[in-house]
Amino acid sequence: MYPQNQDHYGKHSNSSSAAPVFQPPPATGIPVNPSPQYYNENPQFPLHDYHHHGHRDAAWSSGLCDCCSDCKVCCLTYWCPCITFGRIAEIVDKGTSSCGTTGGIYALLAFFTWCGCIYSCTYRSKLRKQYMLPESPCNDCLVHCCCETCALCQEYKELQSRGFDMSIGWHGNVDRHNSGTAMATATAPVFEGAMSR
């Protein structure tokens, strides 16, 4: 009497009062709700320490000429730029190079060639790529050649603003983060016994 109902797969059903069956969408390999998150290349630290979500290019936390806003960093960089650079390099390299090694190479280049900036500008580029920072106010090499002290201060303060304690190096920061996570886990509430009827 009534035409037979067809479900999504073309099969005929004889019952007109059958409840509709939920059919999931076909698998296409494309996420249903893509999120603007980045891959965490540093599992020891949370994502928010490494990336600003939703921005293609995030802004620097301080300006190039703000080197005097932190007198301690400014004095360290002015009198011993090799230490500042070594600390930056160790964090940017995620502990694969040590502060002493990279700082020593920088000091030798600066002493013998007066061009330590050629070495340090490569780390500015690495830092920018890791955190999606803009290449401003000009090319990384020009920034370091013209304003070496200011550039090192800006990079140092950028890493500090992302939660790094620059004086303890990469491995010290990892240990501090892991002990903080272990402490949070140890102080989490524990429920004894299961729910009973």
N, C-alpha and C. Protein backbone atom coordinates (compact mmCIF):
# COMPACT_ATOMS: atom_id res chain seq x y z
N MET A 1 0.82 -1.17 0.00
CA MET A 1 0.00 0.00 0.00
C MET A 1 0.87 1.26 0.00
N TYR A 2 1.79 1.33 0.97
CA TYR A 2 2.74 2.44 1.00
C TYR A 2 4.04 1.99 0.35
N PRO A 3 4.77 2.93 -0.22
CA PRO A 3 6.07 2.52 -0.79
C PRO A 3 7.02 2.11 0.31
N GLN A 4 7.83 1.15 -0.01
CA GLN A 4 8.78 0.67 0.99
C GLN A 4 9.85 1.72 1.25
N ASN A 5 10.22 1.90 2.55
CA ASN A 5 11.28 2.85 2.92
C ASN A 5 12.64 2.27 2.57
N GLN A 6 13.54 3.14 2.17
CA GLN A 6 14.91 2.73 1.90
C GLN A 6 15.82 3.36 2.95
N ASP A 7 16.75 2.57 3.48
CA ASP A 7 17.74 3.16 4.39
C ASP A 7 18.91 3.68 3.55
N HIS A 8 19.96 4.12 4.22
CA HIS A 8 21.09 4.75 3.53
C HIS A 8 21.85 3.79 2.62
N TYR A 9 21.73 2.50 2.83
CA TYR A 9 22.49 1.56 2.03
C TYR A 9 21.66 0.94 0.91
N GLY A 10 20.44 1.43 0.69
CA GLY A 10 19.64 0.95 -0.42
C GLY A 10 18.84 -0.30 -0.12
N LYS A 11 18.87 -0.79 1.12
CA LYS A 11 18.09 -1.98 1.49
C LYS A 11 16.67 -1.55 1.78
N HIS A 12 15.73 -2.38 1.42
CA HIS A 12 14.32 -2.08 1.66
C HIS A 12 13.93 -2.53 3.05
N SER A 13 13.17 -1.70 3.69
CA SER A 13 12.63 -2.12 4.98
C SER A 13 11.13 -2.17 4.87
N ASN A 14 10.55 -3.17 5.47
CA ASN A 14 9.11 -3.39 5.39
C ASN A 14 8.35 -2.60 6.44
N SER A 15 9.00 -2.15 7.47
CA SER A 15 8.31 -1.48 8.57
C SER A 15 8.40 0.02 8.37
N SER A 16 7.27 0.70 8.36
CA SER A 16 7.26 2.15 8.20
C SER A 16 7.49 2.85 9.53
N SER A 17 7.37 2.14 10.63
CA SER A 17 7.54 2.76 11.95
C SER A 17 8.92 2.49 12.54
N ALA A 18 9.85 1.96 11.75
CA ALA A 18 11.19 1.67 12.27
C ALA A 18 11.90 2.97 12.61
N ALA A 19 12.60 2.96 13.74
CA ALA A 19 13.33 4.15 14.18
C ALA A 19 14.52 4.40 13.25
N PRO A 20 14.83 5.66 12.97
CA PRO A 20 15.97 5.93 12.10
C PRO A 20 17.27 5.46 12.75
N VAL A 21 18.13 4.92 11.95
CA VAL A 21 19.40 4.40 12.41
C VAL A 21 20.48 5.42 12.11
N PHE A 22 21.30 5.74 13.11
CA PHE A 22 22.39 6.69 12.91
C PHE A 22 23.45 6.08 12.02
N GLN A 23 23.78 6.80 10.98
CA GLN A 23 24.82 6.35 10.07
C GLN A 23 25.99 7.32 10.18
N PRO A 24 27.16 6.86 10.62
CA PRO A 24 28.31 7.77 10.70
C PRO A 24 28.74 8.21 9.32
N PRO A 25 29.33 9.40 9.23
CA PRO A 25 29.79 9.85 7.92
C PRO A 25 30.92 8.96 7.42
N PRO A 26 31.08 8.89 6.11
CA PRO A 26 32.16 8.04 5.57
C PRO A 26 33.52 8.57 5.99
N ALA A 27 34.44 7.65 6.19
CA ALA A 27 35.81 8.03 6.58
C ALA A 27 36.53 8.64 5.38
N THR A 28 37.03 9.86 5.57
CA THR A 28 37.74 10.54 4.49
C THR A 28 39.20 10.79 4.83
N GLY A 29 39.56 10.61 6.09
CA GLY A 29 40.94 10.90 6.49
C GLY A 29 41.16 12.34 6.88
N ILE A 30 40.12 13.16 6.79
CA ILE A 30 40.22 14.57 7.17
C ILE A 30 39.58 14.72 8.54
N PRO A 31 40.26 15.35 9.51
CA PRO A 31 39.66 15.51 10.83
C PRO A 31 38.36 16.30 10.76
N VAL A 32 37.37 15.88 11.55
CA VAL A 32 36.08 16.55 11.57
C VAL A 32 36.22 17.95 12.16
N ASN A 33 36.93 18.07 13.27
CA ASN A 33 37.14 19.36 13.93
C ASN A 33 38.63 19.64 14.02
N PRO A 34 39.23 20.17 12.96
CA PRO A 34 40.67 20.45 13.06
C PRO A 34 40.92 21.54 14.08
N SER A 35 41.98 21.38 14.87
CA SER A 35 42.30 22.37 15.88
C SER A 35 43.61 23.05 15.52
N PRO A 36 43.76 24.33 15.89
CA PRO A 36 44.97 25.07 15.53
C PRO A 36 46.11 24.81 16.49
N GLN A 37 46.37 23.54 16.80
CA GLN A 37 47.45 23.23 17.73
C GLN A 37 48.65 22.76 16.94
N TYR A 38 49.80 22.90 17.56
CA TYR A 38 51.03 22.50 16.93
C TYR A 38 51.54 21.23 17.58
N TYR A 39 52.32 20.52 16.83
CA TYR A 39 52.94 19.32 17.36
C TYR A 39 53.94 19.70 18.44
N ASN A 40 53.88 19.01 19.57
CA ASN A 40 54.79 19.31 20.68
C ASN A 40 56.10 18.58 20.43
N GLU A 41 57.09 19.32 19.92
CA GLU A 41 58.38 18.71 19.63
C GLU A 41 59.22 18.55 20.89
N ASN A 42 58.76 19.06 22.00
CA ASN A 42 59.49 18.97 23.27
C ASN A 42 58.55 18.38 24.32
N PRO A 43 58.43 17.07 24.41
CA PRO A 43 57.45 16.48 25.31
C PRO A 43 57.72 16.75 26.78
N GLN A 44 58.91 17.23 27.12
CA GLN A 44 59.19 17.49 28.52
C GLN A 44 58.46 18.72 29.03
N PHE A 45 58.05 19.61 28.13
CA PHE A 45 57.40 20.85 28.53
C PHE A 45 56.03 20.94 27.88
N PRO A 46 55.10 21.62 28.51
CA PRO A 46 53.78 21.77 27.92
C PRO A 46 53.83 22.58 26.63
N LEU A 47 52.81 22.40 25.80
CA LEU A 47 52.76 23.10 24.53
C LEU A 47 52.73 24.61 24.69
N HIS A 48 52.04 25.11 25.74
CA HIS A 48 51.90 26.55 25.85
C HIS A 48 53.23 27.24 26.12
N ASP A 49 54.26 26.48 26.54
CA ASP A 49 55.57 27.08 26.72
C ASP A 49 56.28 27.28 25.39
N TYR A 50 55.80 26.61 24.36
CA TYR A 50 56.53 26.64 23.10
C TYR A 50 55.84 27.38 21.99
N HIS A 51 54.54 27.40 21.97
CA HIS A 51 53.85 27.99 20.84
C HIS A 51 52.69 28.85 21.29
N HIS A 52 52.42 29.89 20.54
CA HIS A 52 51.22 30.68 20.73
C HIS A 52 50.19 30.11 19.77
N HIS A 53 49.11 29.53 20.30
CA HIS A 53 48.12 28.88 19.45
C HIS A 53 47.36 29.91 18.63
N GLY A 54 47.05 29.53 17.40
CA GLY A 54 46.20 30.34 16.56
C GLY A 54 46.90 31.48 15.85
N HIS A 55 48.18 31.66 16.01
CA HIS A 55 48.90 32.74 15.35
C HIS A 55 49.97 32.14 14.44
N ARG A 56 50.03 32.65 13.23
CA ARG A 56 51.07 32.19 12.33
C ARG A 56 52.41 32.75 12.79
N ASP A 57 52.46 34.04 13.08
CA ASP A 57 53.66 34.67 13.59
C ASP A 57 53.34 35.34 14.91
N ALA A 58 53.92 34.84 15.98
CA ALA A 58 53.71 35.46 17.28
C ALA A 58 54.67 36.63 17.42
N ALA A 59 54.41 37.49 18.36
CA ALA A 59 55.27 38.66 18.57
C ALA A 59 56.36 38.32 19.58
N TRP A 60 57.49 39.02 19.48
CA TRP A 60 58.53 38.88 20.48
C TRP A 60 58.01 39.41 21.81
N SER A 61 58.46 38.83 22.90
CA SER A 61 58.00 39.27 24.22
C SER A 61 58.60 40.62 24.62
N SER A 62 59.72 41.00 24.01
CA SER A 62 60.33 42.30 24.27
C SER A 62 60.90 42.84 22.96
N GLY A 63 61.08 44.13 22.91
CA GLY A 63 61.61 44.76 21.72
C GLY A 63 63.13 44.64 21.65
N LEU A 64 63.67 44.90 20.48
CA LEU A 64 65.11 44.82 20.28
C LEU A 64 65.85 45.85 21.13
N CYS A 65 65.25 47.01 21.32
CA CYS A 65 65.90 48.08 22.08
C CYS A 65 65.51 48.08 23.56
N ASP A 66 64.88 47.02 24.04
CA ASP A 66 64.49 46.92 25.45
C ASP A 66 65.55 46.22 26.28
N CYS A 67 66.79 46.24 25.84
CA CYS A 67 67.83 45.49 26.54
C CYS A 67 68.09 46.05 27.94
N CYS A 68 67.82 47.33 28.17
CA CYS A 68 68.08 47.93 29.49
C CYS A 68 66.94 47.71 30.47
N SER A 69 65.86 47.06 30.03
CA SER A 69 64.74 46.82 30.95
C SER A 69 65.10 45.79 32.02
N ASP A 70 66.09 44.95 31.76
CA ASP A 70 66.59 43.98 32.74
C ASP A 70 68.09 44.22 32.87
N CYS A 71 68.49 44.97 33.90
CA CYS A 71 69.89 45.37 34.05
C CYS A 71 70.83 44.18 34.21
N LYS A 72 70.37 43.14 34.89
CA LYS A 72 71.22 41.97 35.11
C LYS A 72 71.58 41.30 33.79
N VAL A 73 70.59 41.08 32.93
CA VAL A 73 70.82 40.46 31.62
C VAL A 73 71.65 41.39 30.75
N CYS A 74 71.38 42.69 30.82
CA CYS A 74 72.10 43.67 30.01
C CYS A 74 73.59 43.69 30.37
N CYS A 75 73.89 43.72 31.67
CA CYS A 75 75.29 43.75 32.11
C CYS A 75 76.01 42.46 31.76
N LEU A 76 75.34 41.31 31.97
CA LEU A 76 75.94 40.03 31.63
C LEU A 76 76.28 39.97 30.14
N THR A 77 75.35 40.43 29.32
CA THR A 77 75.54 40.38 27.87
C THR A 77 76.60 41.38 27.41
N TYR A 78 76.65 42.53 28.03
CA TYR A 78 77.63 43.53 27.63
C TYR A 78 79.05 43.09 27.98
N TRP A 79 79.24 42.56 29.21
CA TRP A 79 80.59 42.19 29.66
C TRP A 79 80.99 40.78 29.25
N CYS A 80 80.05 39.86 29.18
CA CYS A 80 80.35 38.46 28.84
C CYS A 80 79.31 37.92 27.85
N PRO A 81 79.31 38.39 26.62
CA PRO A 81 78.30 37.91 25.67
C PRO A 81 78.40 36.42 25.39
N CYS A 82 79.60 35.85 25.60
CA CYS A 82 79.75 34.41 25.35
C CYS A 82 78.90 33.59 26.32
N ILE A 83 78.72 34.07 27.55
CA ILE A 83 77.88 33.34 28.52
C ILE A 83 76.42 33.43 28.11
N THR A 84 75.97 34.65 27.77
CA THR A 84 74.58 34.81 27.33
C THR A 84 74.31 33.95 26.11
N PHE A 85 75.21 34.01 25.13
CA PHE A 85 75.00 33.21 23.92
C PHE A 85 75.01 31.72 24.22
N GLY A 86 75.94 31.27 25.06
CA GLY A 86 76.02 29.85 25.40
C GLY A 86 74.73 29.34 26.03
N ARG A 87 74.15 30.15 26.92
CA ARG A 87 72.89 29.75 27.56
C ARG A 87 71.74 29.68 26.55
N ILE A 88 71.70 30.66 25.66
CA ILE A 88 70.66 30.65 24.61
C ILE A 88 70.82 29.41 23.73
N ALA A 89 72.05 29.15 23.29
CA ALA A 89 72.30 28.03 22.38
C ALA A 89 71.94 26.69 23.01
N GLU A 90 72.24 26.52 24.30
CA GLU A 90 71.91 25.25 24.96
C GLU A 90 70.41 25.01 24.99
N ILE A 91 69.63 26.05 25.28
CA ILE A 91 68.17 25.90 25.32
C ILE A 91 67.62 25.69 23.91
N VAL A 92 68.08 26.46 22.94
CA VAL A 92 67.59 26.33 21.56
C VAL A 92 67.93 24.95 20.99
N ASP A 93 69.11 24.43 21.33
CA ASP A 93 69.51 23.11 20.86
C ASP A 93 68.93 21.97 21.70
N LYS A 94 68.13 22.31 22.69
CA LYS A 94 67.47 21.31 23.57
C LYS A 94 68.47 20.39 24.24
N GLY A 95 69.61 20.96 24.66
CA GLY A 95 70.58 20.21 25.43
C GLY A 95 71.57 19.40 24.62
N THR A 96 71.48 19.43 23.30
CA THR A 96 72.44 18.66 22.49
C THR A 96 73.81 19.34 22.43
N SER A 97 73.85 20.62 22.69
CA SER A 97 75.13 21.32 22.82
C SER A 97 75.16 21.98 24.20
N SER A 98 76.34 22.10 24.76
CA SER A 98 76.43 22.66 26.10
C SER A 98 76.70 24.16 26.03
N CYS A 99 76.38 24.82 27.11
CA CYS A 99 76.62 26.25 27.24
C CYS A 99 78.12 26.56 27.09
N GLY A 100 78.98 25.76 27.71
CA GLY A 100 80.42 25.98 27.66
C GLY A 100 81.00 25.83 26.27
N THR A 101 80.54 24.82 25.53
CA THR A 101 81.07 24.57 24.19
C THR A 101 80.69 25.70 23.23
N THR A 102 79.39 26.01 23.16
CA THR A 102 78.95 27.04 22.22
C THR A 102 79.46 28.42 22.65
N GLY A 103 79.49 28.67 23.95
CA GLY A 103 80.04 29.94 24.44
C GLY A 103 81.52 30.08 24.12
N GLY A 104 82.27 28.98 24.22
CA GLY A 104 83.69 28.98 23.89
C GLY A 104 83.94 29.24 22.42
N ILE A 105 83.16 28.60 21.56
CA ILE A 105 83.30 28.82 20.12
C ILE A 105 83.01 30.28 19.79
N TYR A 106 81.95 30.80 20.41
CA TYR A 106 81.59 32.21 20.19
C TYR A 106 82.73 33.13 20.64
N ALA A 107 83.31 32.87 21.80
CA ALA A 107 84.39 33.71 22.33
C ALA A 107 85.62 33.67 21.41
N LEU A 108 85.97 32.49 20.92
CA LEU A 108 87.11 32.37 20.01
C LEU A 108 86.87 33.13 18.70
N LEU A 109 85.67 32.97 18.14
CA LEU A 109 85.35 33.69 16.91
C LEU A 109 85.37 35.20 17.14
N ALA A 110 84.81 35.64 18.26
CA ALA A 110 84.78 37.07 18.55
C ALA A 110 86.18 37.62 18.79
N PHE A 111 87.03 36.85 19.44
CA PHE A 111 88.38 37.32 19.76
C PHE A 111 89.28 37.37 18.53
N PHE A 112 89.24 36.32 17.71
CA PHE A 112 90.16 36.24 16.58
C PHE A 112 89.64 36.90 15.30
N THR A 113 88.35 36.92 15.11
CA THR A 113 87.82 37.45 13.85
C THR A 113 86.94 38.68 14.04
N TRP A 114 86.57 39.00 15.25
CA TRP A 114 85.63 40.07 15.56
C TRP A 114 84.27 39.83 14.91
N CYS A 115 83.96 38.59 14.61
CA CYS A 115 82.70 38.26 13.94
C CYS A 115 81.95 37.13 14.64
N GLY A 116 81.81 37.22 15.95
CA GLY A 116 81.01 36.23 16.67
C GLY A 116 79.56 36.29 16.26
N CYS A 117 79.15 37.45 15.70
CA CYS A 117 77.75 37.63 15.29
C CYS A 117 77.37 36.69 14.15
N ILE A 118 78.32 36.25 13.36
CA ILE A 118 78.02 35.31 12.27
C ILE A 118 77.52 33.99 12.84
N TYR A 119 78.10 33.58 13.96
CA TYR A 119 77.69 32.33 14.63
C TYR A 119 76.38 32.53 15.38
N SER A 120 76.24 33.64 16.08
CA SER A 120 75.06 33.85 16.91
C SER A 120 73.80 34.10 16.09
N CYS A 121 73.93 34.64 14.88
CA CYS A 121 72.72 34.90 14.07
C CYS A 121 72.05 33.60 13.64
N THR A 122 72.81 32.51 13.53
CA THR A 122 72.19 31.24 13.16
C THR A 122 71.25 30.75 14.27
N TYR A 123 71.59 31.05 15.51
CA TYR A 123 70.73 30.64 16.62
C TYR A 123 69.50 31.52 16.73
N ARG A 124 69.59 32.76 16.30
CA ARG A 124 68.40 33.61 16.26
C ARG A 124 67.41 33.01 15.26
N SER A 125 67.91 32.55 14.13
CA SER A 125 67.03 31.93 13.12
C SER A 125 66.38 30.67 13.67
N LYS A 126 67.15 29.84 14.38
CA LYS A 126 66.59 28.62 14.98
C LYS A 126 65.51 28.96 16.01
N LEU A 127 65.78 29.95 16.83
CA LEU A 127 64.82 30.38 17.86
C LEU A 127 63.53 30.88 17.22
N ARG A 128 63.67 31.67 16.17
CA ARG A 128 62.48 32.19 15.49
C ARG A 128 61.64 31.08 14.89
N LYS A 129 62.30 30.08 14.30
CA LYS A 129 61.56 28.98 13.69
C LYS A 129 60.85 28.13 14.74
N GLN A 130 61.49 27.93 15.88
CA GLN A 130 60.87 27.13 16.94
C GLN A 130 59.60 27.78 17.47
N TYR A 131 59.60 29.09 17.60
CA TYR A 131 58.48 29.79 18.23
C TYR A 131 57.68 30.64 17.26
N MET A 132 57.96 30.49 15.95
CA MET A 132 57.23 31.22 14.92
C MET A 132 57.27 32.72 15.15
N LEU A 133 58.43 33.25 15.42
CA LEU A 133 58.60 34.67 15.65
C LEU A 133 58.94 35.38 14.34
N PRO A 134 58.52 36.62 14.19
CA PRO A 134 58.80 37.33 12.94
C PRO A 134 60.27 37.73 12.83
N GLU A 135 60.73 37.85 11.63
CA GLU A 135 62.10 38.28 11.38
C GLU A 135 62.09 39.81 11.37
N SER A 136 62.23 40.39 12.56
CA SER A 136 62.13 41.84 12.67
C SER A 136 63.22 42.36 13.60
N PRO A 137 63.64 43.57 13.47
CA PRO A 137 63.20 44.57 12.49
C PRO A 137 63.77 44.35 11.10
N CYS A 138 64.75 43.47 10.97
CA CYS A 138 65.32 43.15 9.65
C CYS A 138 65.91 41.74 9.70
N ASN A 139 66.67 41.39 8.72
CA ASN A 139 67.29 40.08 8.59
C ASN A 139 68.07 39.72 9.86
N ASP A 140 68.05 38.43 10.25
CA ASP A 140 68.73 37.98 11.47
C ASP A 140 70.21 38.34 11.48
N CYS A 141 70.87 38.17 10.35
CA CYS A 141 72.30 38.47 10.28
C CYS A 141 72.56 39.96 10.49
N LEU A 142 71.73 40.80 9.90
CA LEU A 142 71.90 42.24 10.08
C LEU A 142 71.63 42.67 11.51
N VAL A 143 70.62 42.06 12.13
CA VAL A 143 70.30 42.38 13.53
C VAL A 143 71.51 42.10 14.40
N HIS A 144 72.14 40.94 14.22
CA HIS A 144 73.29 40.58 15.04
C HIS A 144 74.54 41.39 14.69
N CYS A 145 74.74 41.69 13.41
CA CYS A 145 75.92 42.47 13.03
C CYS A 145 75.83 43.91 13.53
N CYS A 146 74.63 44.48 13.52
CA CYS A 146 74.48 45.88 13.92
C CYS A 146 74.21 46.05 15.41
N CYS A 147 73.49 45.11 16.02
CA CYS A 147 73.05 45.26 17.42
C CYS A 147 73.25 43.94 18.16
N GLU A 148 74.46 43.45 18.22
CA GLU A 148 74.74 42.14 18.82
C GLU A 148 74.24 42.04 20.26
N THR A 149 74.59 43.02 21.08
CA THR A 149 74.21 42.98 22.50
C THR A 149 72.69 43.02 22.65
N CYS A 150 72.04 43.90 21.91
CA CYS A 150 70.58 44.01 22.00
C CYS A 150 69.90 42.73 21.52
N ALA A 151 70.42 42.13 20.44
CA ALA A 151 69.83 40.90 19.91
C ALA A 151 69.95 39.76 20.91
N LEU A 152 71.13 39.61 21.53
CA LEU A 152 71.31 38.55 22.53
C LEU A 152 70.40 38.76 23.73
N CYS A 153 70.26 40.00 24.17
CA CYS A 153 69.36 40.30 25.30
C CYS A 153 67.92 39.94 24.96
N GLN A 154 67.49 40.29 23.75
CA GLN A 154 66.12 40.00 23.33
C GLN A 154 65.86 38.50 23.30
N GLU A 155 66.79 37.73 22.77
CA GLU A 155 66.63 36.27 22.69
C GLU A 155 66.64 35.65 24.09
N TYR A 156 67.52 36.13 24.94
CA TYR A 156 67.62 35.63 26.32
C TYR A 156 66.30 35.86 27.06
N LYS A 157 65.77 37.10 26.92
CA LYS A 157 64.52 37.43 27.61
C LYS A 157 63.33 36.69 27.01
N GLU A 158 63.40 36.39 25.72
CA GLU A 158 62.33 35.62 25.08
C GLU A 158 62.22 34.23 25.70
N LEU A 159 63.36 33.58 25.89
CA LEU A 159 63.36 32.25 26.50
C LEU A 159 62.94 32.32 27.97
N GLN A 160 63.34 33.37 28.67
CA GLN A 160 62.90 33.55 30.06
C GLN A 160 61.39 33.70 30.13
N SER A 161 60.83 34.46 29.20
CA SER A 161 59.38 34.69 29.21
C SER A 161 58.60 33.41 28.92
N ARG A 162 59.26 32.43 28.33
CA ARG A 162 58.62 31.15 28.05
C ARG A 162 58.83 30.13 29.16
N GLY A 163 59.34 30.59 30.30
CA GLY A 163 59.42 29.74 31.47
C GLY A 163 60.76 29.09 31.74
N PHE A 164 61.77 29.39 30.97
CA PHE A 164 63.08 28.79 31.19
C PHE A 164 63.87 29.57 32.23
N ASP A 165 64.53 28.85 33.12
CA ASP A 165 65.52 29.44 34.02
C ASP A 165 66.85 29.29 33.30
N MET A 166 67.33 30.39 32.75
CA MET A 166 68.49 30.33 31.87
C MET A 166 69.77 29.92 32.59
N SER A 167 69.84 30.14 33.88
CA SER A 167 71.08 29.85 34.61
C SER A 167 71.29 28.36 34.87
N ILE A 168 70.25 27.54 34.73
CA ILE A 168 70.41 26.10 35.02
C ILE A 168 70.47 25.24 33.76
N GLY A 169 70.33 25.84 32.59
CA GLY A 169 70.48 25.09 31.35
C GLY A 169 69.28 24.21 31.01
N TRP A 170 69.39 23.53 29.89
CA TRP A 170 68.30 22.69 29.40
C TRP A 170 67.98 21.54 30.36
N HIS A 171 69.00 20.79 30.75
CA HIS A 171 68.76 19.61 31.59
C HIS A 171 68.23 20.01 32.97
N GLY A 172 68.70 21.12 33.49
CA GLY A 172 68.18 21.61 34.76
C GLY A 172 66.71 21.98 34.66
N ASN A 173 66.32 22.58 33.54
CA ASN A 173 64.91 22.92 33.33
C ASN A 173 64.05 21.68 33.17
N VAL A 174 64.58 20.67 32.49
CA VAL A 174 63.84 19.41 32.35
C VAL A 174 63.64 18.76 33.72
N ASP A 175 64.70 18.70 34.52
CA ASP A 175 64.60 18.11 35.86
C ASP A 175 63.61 18.89 36.72
N ARG A 176 63.66 20.21 36.65
CA ARG A 176 62.75 21.04 37.44
C ARG A 176 61.31 20.79 37.03
N HIS A 177 61.08 20.70 35.71
CA HIS A 177 59.72 20.44 35.22
C HIS A 177 59.24 19.06 35.65
N ASN A 178 60.11 18.05 35.51
CA ASN A 178 59.72 16.69 35.88
C ASN A 178 59.46 16.56 37.38
N SER A 179 60.25 17.23 38.20
CA SER A 179 60.01 17.16 39.65
C SER A 179 58.72 17.88 40.01
N GLY A 180 58.40 18.96 39.29
CA GLY A 180 57.14 19.66 39.53
C GLY A 180 55.95 18.81 39.14
N THR A 181 56.08 18.05 38.04
CA THR A 181 55.01 17.15 37.61
C THR A 181 54.85 16.01 38.60
N ALA A 182 55.97 15.47 39.08
CA ALA A 182 55.91 14.38 40.06
C ALA A 182 55.30 14.87 41.36
N MET A 183 55.63 16.11 41.75
CA MET A 183 55.07 16.67 42.98
C MET A 183 53.56 16.85 42.85
N ALA A 184 53.11 17.32 41.68
CA ALA A 184 51.68 17.51 41.45
C ALA A 184 50.96 16.17 41.47
N THR A 185 51.58 15.14 40.92
CA THR A 185 50.97 13.81 40.92
C THR A 185 50.91 13.25 42.34
N ALA A 186 51.96 13.49 43.12
CA ALA A 186 52.00 12.98 44.49
C ALA A 186 50.99 13.66 45.38
N THR A 187 50.67 14.92 45.10
CA THR A 187 49.72 15.64 45.96
C THR A 187 48.30 15.56 45.46
N ALA A 188 48.06 14.82 44.37
CA ALA A 188 46.70 14.67 43.87
C ALA A 188 45.88 13.87 44.87
N PRO A 189 44.58 14.18 45.01
CA PRO A 189 43.76 13.45 45.97
C PRO A 189 43.62 11.98 45.60
N VAL A 190 43.66 11.12 46.58
CA VAL A 190 43.53 9.69 46.38
C VAL A 190 42.24 9.24 47.04
N PHE A 191 41.41 8.54 46.29
CA PHE A 191 40.14 8.03 46.82
C PHE A 191 40.33 6.58 47.19
N GLU A 192 40.07 6.27 48.46
CA GLU A 192 40.23 4.90 48.90
C GLU A 192 38.91 4.17 48.79
N GLY A 193 39.01 2.94 48.32
CA GLY A 193 37.80 2.13 48.17
C GLY A 193 37.05 2.51 46.93
N ALA A 194 36.22 1.60 46.48
CA ALA A 194 35.41 1.86 45.30
C ALA A 194 33.99 2.20 45.72
N MET A 195 33.24 2.69 44.77
CA MET A 195 31.85 3.00 45.06
C MET A 195 31.08 1.70 45.28
N SER A 196 30.25 1.68 46.27
CA SER A 196 29.45 0.47 46.54
C SER A 196 27.98 0.83 46.55
N ARG A 197 27.15 -0.16 46.36
CA ARG A 197 25.71 0.07 46.34
C ARG A 197 25.13 0.09 47.72
